[in-house]
C-alpha atoms as a PDB file:
ATOM      1  CA  MET A   1      -7.609   5.428  51.818  1.00  0.00           C
ATOM      2  CA  MET A   2     -10.907   4.476  54.286  1.00  0.00           C
ATOM      3  CA  LYS A   3     -14.082   4.031  53.546  1.00  0.00           C
ATOM      4  CA  PRO A   4     -16.898   5.117  55.784  1.00  0.00           C
ATOM      5  CA  ALA A   5     -17.884   2.830  58.551  1.00  0.00           C
ATOM      6  CA  ILE A   6     -21.033   0.784  59.314  1.00  0.00           C
ATOM      7  CA  PRO A   7     -21.998   0.435  62.915  1.00  0.00           C
ATOM      8  CA  THR A   8     -23.353  -3.219  63.993  1.00  0.00           C
ATOM      9  CA  PHE A   9     -25.413  -3.770  66.807  1.00  0.00           C
ATOM     10  CA  VAL A  10     -26.359  -6.542  69.104  1.00  0.00           C
ATOM     11  CA  VAL A  11     -29.519  -7.348  69.703  1.00  0.00           C
ATOM     12  CA  ASP A  12     -31.853  -9.617  71.364  1.00  0.00           C
ATOM     13  CA  SER A  13     -34.723  -9.346  68.172  1.00  0.00           C
ATOM     14  CA  VAL A  14     -33.466  -8.468  64.420  1.00  0.00           C
ATOM     15  CA  GLU A  15     -36.587  -9.309  63.640  1.00  0.00           C
ATOM     16  CA  LYS A  16     -37.528  -6.075  66.341  1.00  0.00           C
ATOM     17  CA  ALA A  17     -34.984  -4.007  64.771  1.00  0.00           C
ATOM     18  CA  VAL A  18     -36.000  -4.034  61.191  1.00  0.00           C
ATOM     19  CA  LYS A  19     -39.872  -3.453  62.024  1.00  0.00           C
ATOM     20  CA  PHE A  20     -39.344  -0.415  64.236  1.00  0.00           C
ATOM     21  CA  TYR A  21     -36.057   0.838  61.359  1.00  0.00           C
ATOM     22  CA  THR A  22     -37.977   0.346  58.229  1.00  0.00           C
ATOM     23  CA  GLU A  23     -41.464   1.226  59.363  1.00  0.00           C
ATOM     24  CA  LYS A  24     -40.365   4.067  62.283  1.00  0.00           C
ATOM     25  CA  LEU A  25     -37.379   5.709  60.643  1.00  0.00           C
ATOM     26  CA  GLY A  26     -37.766   4.366  56.777  1.00  0.00           C
ATOM     27  CA  PHE A  27     -35.045   2.439  56.050  1.00  0.00           C
ATOM     28  CA  ASP A  28     -34.599   0.532  53.393  1.00  0.00           C
ATOM     29  CA  VAL A  29     -33.486  -3.509  53.978  1.00  0.00           C
ATOM     30  CA  VAL A  30     -30.409  -4.364  52.331  1.00  0.00           C
ATOM     31  CA  HIS A  31     -29.745  -8.177  53.345  1.00  0.00           C
ATOM     32  CA  LEU A  32     -30.780 -10.533  55.785  1.00  0.00           C
ATOM     33  CA  GLU A  33     -29.306 -13.314  56.711  1.00  0.00           C
ATOM     34  CA  LEU A  34     -31.623 -16.410  58.850  1.00  0.00           C
ATOM     35  CA  ASP A  35     -29.953 -18.460  61.960  1.00  0.00           C
ATOM     36  CA  GLN A  36     -28.395 -22.196  61.454  1.00  0.00           C
ATOM     37  CA  ASP A  37     -31.220 -23.933  63.937  1.00  0.00           C
ATOM     38  CA  ALA A  38     -34.836 -24.804  63.612  1.00  0.00           C
ATOM     39  CA  ARG A  39     -36.272 -21.812  64.216  1.00  0.00           C
ATOM     40  CA  GLN A  40     -35.853 -20.436  60.898  1.00  0.00           C
ATOM     41  CA  THR A  41     -35.010 -16.920  62.960  1.00  0.00           C
ATOM     42  CA  LEU A  42     -33.189 -13.951  61.459  1.00  0.00           C
ATOM     43  CA  SER A  43     -29.912 -13.290  62.900  1.00  0.00           C
ATOM     44  CA  PHE A  44     -28.305 -10.766  60.773  1.00  0.00           C
ATOM     45  CA  ALA A  45     -29.635  -7.606  59.083  1.00  0.00           C
ATOM     46  CA  GLN A  46     -28.525  -4.636  57.401  1.00  0.00           C
ATOM     47  CA  VAL A  47     -31.158  -1.517  56.556  1.00  0.00           C
ATOM     48  CA  HIS A  48     -30.171   1.995  54.854  1.00  0.00           C
ATOM     49  CA  LYS A  49     -31.278   4.968  54.334  1.00  0.00           C
ATOM     50  CA  GLY A  50     -29.510   7.262  52.085  1.00  0.00           C
ATOM     51  CA  LYS A  51     -25.680   6.760  52.769  1.00  0.00           C
ATOM     52  CA  LEU A  52     -26.070   5.886  56.117  1.00  0.00           C
ATOM     53  CA  ALA A  53     -26.025   2.149  56.994  1.00  0.00           C
ATOM     54  CA  VAL A  54     -26.640   0.636  59.904  1.00  0.00           C
ATOM     55  CA  GLN A  55     -26.451  -3.867  61.104  1.00  0.00           C
ATOM     56  CA  PHE A  56     -27.702  -5.728  63.591  1.00  0.00           C
ATOM     57  CA  ARG A  57     -26.817  -9.215  64.415  1.00  0.00           C
ATOM     58  CA  ILE A  58     -27.692 -11.258  67.601  1.00  0.00           C
ATOM     59  CA  PRO A  59     -25.341 -12.378  70.374  1.00  0.00           C
ATOM     60  CA  ALA A  60     -22.936 -14.849  69.685  1.00  0.00           C
ATOM     61  CA  VAL A  61     -22.667 -17.831  72.379  1.00  0.00           C
ATOM     62  CA  GLU A  62     -19.746 -16.735  74.155  1.00  0.00           C
ATOM     63  CA  GLU A  63     -21.476 -13.343  74.564  1.00  0.00           C
ATOM     64  CA  LEU A  64     -24.691 -14.283  75.946  1.00  0.00           C
ATOM     65  CA  ALA A  65     -23.540 -13.006  79.675  1.00  0.00           C
ATOM     66  CA  GLU A  66     -21.874 -10.004  78.719  1.00  0.00           C
ATOM     67  CA  PHE A  67     -25.020  -9.199  76.979  1.00  0.00           C
ATOM     68  CA  SER A  68     -27.142 -10.054  79.504  1.00  0.00           C
ATOM     69  CA  LEU A  69     -25.511  -7.156  81.451  1.00  0.00           C
ATOM     70  CA  ILE A  70     -25.572  -4.522  78.822  1.00  0.00           C
ATOM     71  CA  LYS A  71     -29.171  -5.188  79.078  1.00  0.00           C
ATOM     72  CA  ARG A  72     -30.074  -4.276  82.254  1.00  0.00           C
ATOM     73  CA  CYS A  73     -28.567  -0.898  81.845  1.00  0.00           C
ATOM     74  CA  GLY A  74     -30.562   2.187  81.144  1.00  0.00           C
ATOM     75  CA  THR A  75     -28.746   3.140  78.134  1.00  0.00           C
ATOM     76  CA  ARG A  76     -25.939   1.134  76.154  1.00  0.00           C
ATOM     77  CA  GLY A  77     -23.681   3.807  75.539  1.00  0.00           C
ATOM     78  CA  ALA A  78     -24.121   3.253  72.025  1.00  0.00           C
ATOM     79  CA  GLY A  79     -25.237   5.743  69.341  1.00  0.00           C
ATOM     80  CA  VAL A  80     -24.609   7.211  65.163  1.00  0.00           C
ATOM     81  CA  TYR A  81     -24.530  10.614  64.362  1.00  0.00           C
ATOM     82  CA  VAL A  82     -26.237  11.022  61.359  1.00  0.00           C
ATOM     83  CA  GLN A  83     -25.020  14.015  58.848  1.00  0.00           C
ATOM     84  CA  MET A  84     -27.669  15.533  56.818  1.00  0.00           C
ATOM     85  CA  LYS A  85     -28.218  17.643  54.278  1.00  0.00           C
ATOM     86  CA  LYS A  86     -31.203  19.268  54.379  1.00  0.00           C
ATOM     87  CA  GLY A  87     -34.360  18.172  55.193  1.00  0.00           C
ATOM     88  CA  LEU A  88     -34.100  17.753  59.306  1.00  0.00           C
ATOM     89  CA  THR A  89     -36.912  19.217  60.791  1.00  0.00           C
ATOM     90  CA  LYS A  90     -38.982  17.476  58.479  1.00  0.00           C
ATOM     91  CA  TYR A  91     -37.595  14.239  59.300  1.00  0.00           C
ATOM     92  CA  PHE A  92     -37.971  15.250  62.949  1.00  0.00           C
ATOM     93  CA  GLU A  93     -41.873  15.723  62.933  1.00  0.00           C
ATOM     94  CA  ARG A  94     -41.778  12.188  60.885  1.00  0.00           C
ATOM     95  CA  CYS A  95     -40.139  10.411  64.053  1.00  0.00           C
ATOM     96  CA  LYS A  96     -42.745  12.196  66.473  1.00  0.00           C
ATOM     97  CA  ARG A  97     -45.901  11.208  64.482  1.00  0.00           C
ATOM     98  CA  LYS A  98     -44.474   7.647  64.393  1.00  0.00           C
ATOM     99  CA  GLY A  99     -44.104   7.513  68.486  1.00  0.00           C
ATOM    100  CA  ILE A 100     -40.630   7.254  68.260  1.00  0.00           C
ATOM    101  CA  THR A 101     -38.847   8.194  71.755  1.00  0.00           C
ATOM    102  CA  VAL A 102     -37.914  11.951  71.061  1.00  0.00           C
ATOM    103  CA  VAL A 103     -34.072  12.268  73.669  1.00  0.00           C
ATOM    104  CA  SER A 104     -33.388  16.175  72.862  1.00  0.00           C
ATOM    105  CA  ALA A 105     -35.485  18.388  69.962  1.00  0.00           C
ATOM    106  CA  PRO A 106     -34.076  20.133  67.465  1.00  0.00           C
ATOM    107  CA  LYS A 107     -31.285  22.659  68.241  1.00  0.00           C
ATOM    108  CA  ASP A 108     -28.361  24.715  66.885  1.00  0.00           C
ATOM    109  CA  ARG A 109     -25.204  23.445  68.137  1.00  0.00           C
ATOM    110  CA  PRO A 110     -21.890  26.176  68.941  1.00  0.00           C
ATOM    111  CA  TRP A 111     -20.148  24.051  65.724  1.00  0.00           C
ATOM    112  CA  GLY A 112     -22.627  25.130  63.359  1.00  0.00           C
ATOM    113  CA  GLU A 113     -24.691  22.223  62.990  1.00  0.00           C
ATOM    114  CA  LYS A 114     -29.083  22.085  64.259  1.00  0.00           C
ATOM    115  CA  THR A 115     -29.025  18.544  65.806  1.00  0.00           C
ATOM    116  CA  PHE A 116     -31.909  16.234  67.413  1.00  0.00           C
ATOM    117  CA  THR A 117     -31.114  12.934  69.267  1.00  0.00           C
ATOM    118  CA  LEU A 118     -33.844  10.067  69.220  1.00  0.00           C
ATOM    119  CA  LYS A 119     -34.055   6.358  71.046  1.00  0.00           C
ATOM    120  CA  ASP A 120     -34.925   3.456  69.368  1.00  0.00           C
ATOM    121  CA  ILE A 121     -36.206   0.084  70.907  1.00  0.00           C
ATOM    122  CA  PHE A 122     -33.336  -1.217  72.080  1.00  0.00           C
ATOM    123  CA  GLY A 123     -31.776   1.792  73.793  1.00  0.00           C
ATOM    124  CA  ILE A 124     -29.153   3.306  71.165  1.00  0.00           C
ATOM    125  CA  ARG A 125     -29.230   6.946  70.704  1.00  0.00           C
ATOM    126  CA  LEU A 126     -29.024   8.542  66.799  1.00  0.00           C
ATOM    127  CA  THR A 127     -28.705  11.723  66.715  1.00  0.00           C
ATOM    128  CA  PHE A 128     -29.019  13.719  63.217  1.00  0.00           C
ATOM    129  CA  ALA A 129     -27.406  17.051  62.497  1.00  0.00           C
ATOM    130  CA  GLU A 130     -27.740  19.502  59.383  1.00  0.00           C
ATOM    131  CA  PRO A 131     -25.442  22.070  58.858  1.00  0.00           C
ATOM    132  CA  ILE A 132     -26.752  25.636  59.929  1.00  0.00           C
ATOM    133  CA  GLU A 133     -27.026  27.725  56.751  1.00  0.00           C
ATOM    134  CA  GLY A 134     -24.695  30.570  56.399  1.00  0.00           C
ATOM    135  CA  PHE A 135     -22.737  29.624  59.994  1.00  0.00           C
ATOM    136  CA  LYS A 136     -19.908  31.253  61.107  1.00  0.00           C
ATOM    137  CA  LEU A 137     -17.811  30.819  64.106  1.00  0.00           C
ATOM    138  CA  GLN A 138     -17.282  33.941  66.513  1.00  0.00           C
ATOM    139  CA  LYS A 139     -13.947  36.117  66.568  1.00  0.00           C
ATOM    140  CA  ASN A 140     -12.466  36.474  69.900  1.00  0.00           C
ATOM    141  CA  THR A 141     -14.201  32.951  70.294  1.00  0.00           C
ATOM    142  CA  ASN A 142     -13.283  30.380  72.799  1.00  0.00           C
ATOM    143  CA  PHE A 143     -10.764  27.128  72.075  1.00  0.00           C
ATOM    144  CA  LEU A 144     -11.277  24.314  74.129  1.00  0.00           C
ATOM    145  CA  GLY A 145     -10.765  26.788  77.500  1.00  0.00           C
ATOM    146  CA  MET A 146      -8.450  29.033  75.615  1.00  0.00           C
ATOM    147  CA  PHE A 147      -9.199  32.825  74.458  1.00  0.00           C
ATOM    148  CA  VAL A 148      -8.478  32.772  70.782  1.00  0.00           C
ATOM    149  CA  ASN A 149      -8.479  35.893  69.086  1.00  0.00           C
ATOM    150  CA  ASP A 150      -7.208  35.890  65.272  1.00  0.00           C
ATOM    151  CA  ALA A 151      -5.782  32.971  62.790  1.00  0.00           C
ATOM    152  CA  SER A 152      -2.324  33.495  63.828  1.00  0.00           C
ATOM    153  CA  ALA A 153       0.505  30.861  63.550  1.00  0.00           C
ATOM    154  CA  HIS A 154       1.317  31.695  67.435  1.00  0.00           C
ATOM    155  CA  ASN A 155      -2.045  31.111  68.090  1.00  0.00           C
ATOM    156  CA  LEU A 156      -2.244  27.983  65.943  1.00  0.00           C
ATOM    157  CA  GLU A 157       1.048  26.530  67.870  1.00  0.00           C
ATOM    158  CA  GLU A 158      -0.315  27.321  71.249  1.00  0.00           C
ATOM    159  CA  MET A 159      -3.598  25.403  70.494  1.00  0.00           C
ATOM    160  CA  VAL A 160      -1.479  22.188  69.836  1.00  0.00           C
ATOM    161  CA  LYS A 161       0.032  22.520  72.482  1.00  0.00           C
ATOM    162  CA  TRP A 162      -3.263  22.782  74.672  1.00  0.00           C
ATOM    163  CA  LEU A 163      -4.309  19.406  73.149  1.00  0.00           C
ATOM    164  CA  ARG A 164      -1.074  17.439  73.010  1.00  0.00           C
ATOM    165  CA  GLY A 165      -1.476  18.306  77.343  1.00  0.00           C
ATOM    166  CA  PHE A 166      -4.886  15.878  77.008  1.00  0.00           C
ATOM    167  CA  GLY A 167      -2.637  13.000  75.322  1.00  0.00           C
ATOM    168  CA  ILE A 168      -3.605  13.725  71.770  1.00  0.00           C
ATOM    169  CA  LEU A 169      -1.258  13.018  68.912  1.00  0.00           C
ATOM    170  CA  ARG A 170       0.773  16.337  67.550  1.00  0.00           C
ATOM    171  CA  ARG A 171      -0.324  15.128  63.983  1.00  0.00           C
ATOM    172  CA  ALA A 172      -4.397  14.853  65.131  1.00  0.00           C
ATOM    173  CA  ALA A 173      -3.826  18.621  67.328  1.00  0.00           C
ATOM    174  CA  LYS A 174      -2.530  20.112  64.723  1.00  0.00           C
ATOM    175  CA  LYS A 175      -4.952  18.758  61.664  1.00  0.00           C
ATOM    176  CA  TYR A 176      -7.746  20.098  63.751  1.00  0.00           C
ATOM    177  CA  CYS A 177      -6.588  22.907  65.536  1.00  0.00           C
ATOM    178  CA  LYS A 178      -5.728  24.203  61.912  1.00  0.00           C
ATOM    179  CA  ASP A 179      -9.046  23.474  60.856  1.00  0.00           C
ATOM    180  CA  TRP A 180     -10.537  25.042  63.306  1.00  0.00           C
ATOM    181  CA  LEU A 181      -8.755  28.715  62.942  1.00  0.00           C
ATOM    182  CA  GLU A 182      -9.723  28.739  59.381  1.00  0.00           C
ATOM    183  CA  THR A 183     -13.502  27.970  59.575  1.00  0.00           C
ATOM    184  CA  ALA A 184     -13.638  30.478  62.558  1.00  0.00           C
ATOM    185  CA  PHE A 185     -11.840  33.269  60.373  1.00  0.00           C
ATOM    186  CA  GLY A 186     -12.290  32.472  57.571  1.00  0.00           C
ATOM    187  CA  LYS A 187      -8.649  32.782  56.040  1.00  0.00           C
ATOM    188  CA  ARG A 188      -5.876  29.949  55.725  1.00  0.00           C
ATOM    189  CA  ILE A 189      -2.618  30.196  57.900  1.00  0.00           C
ATOM    190  CA  ASN A 190       0.921  29.892  56.616  1.00  0.00           C
ATOM    191  CA  ILE A 191       2.609  26.707  59.319  1.00  0.00           C
ATOM    192  CA  THR A 192       5.779  26.759  57.607  1.00  0.00           C
ATOM    193  CA  GLY A 193       8.351  26.379  60.556  1.00  0.00           C
ATOM    194  CA  ILE A 194       5.716  25.580  63.662  1.00  0.00           C
ATOM    195  CA  ARG A 195       7.506  23.017  66.058  1.00  0.00           C
ATOM    196  CA  THR A 196       4.228  22.405  68.159  1.00  0.00           C
ATOM    197  CA  GLY A 197       6.502  21.050  70.733  1.00  0.00           C
ATOM    198  CA  THR A 198       9.057  18.701  68.408  1.00  0.00           C
ATOM    199  CA  ARG A 199      11.091  16.804  70.260  1.00  0.00           C
ATOM    200  CA  SER A 200      15.004  16.887  70.456  1.00  0.00           C
ATOM    201  CA  LYS A 201      16.428  13.710  69.430  1.00  0.00           C
ATOM    202  CA  ARG A 202      19.281  12.459  72.416  1.00  0.00           C
ATOM    203  CA  SER A 203      23.133  11.811  71.502  1.00  0.00           C
END
């Protein structure tokens, strides 16, 4: 059984990371480590807010060339998706008052969450999400380009075949499609006997 993961980001200054995340985003410090040299600079830090934890470390010597290239990019392509139970709008207003760069303001998303995205001083994106109260998927809706009108076993089989065309394994596709249908139509699906493209054994 896997436990919640802790994202770790390589940064050029752990001190700046700790300052930003504690003073701007309201995180608390969990753990700090010093570099093993005469400069006595921070080499590692872990901060958290609620159940979300994030770690920062300086690059190792063998990573310096790669890290220098990453720093030149307009965006690192890295980020964290943070799910909140409540208080998203209030937290967004707090972040705005702190002068944090806003990538996207709070917006309702078609999968049933309201989200907004910020960017930290290193270009790392943080997206915060909160469930939309009373949200239900629309029936007769679009599933990745496929028209779905009911929570039937036939629809489940066709959806799984469709996802497998993108290279997604049967087990992962079946689980995702089943959960999606049950959320959209509010009822469980009988999947007994569904083959979903199972290959026959060769003699």
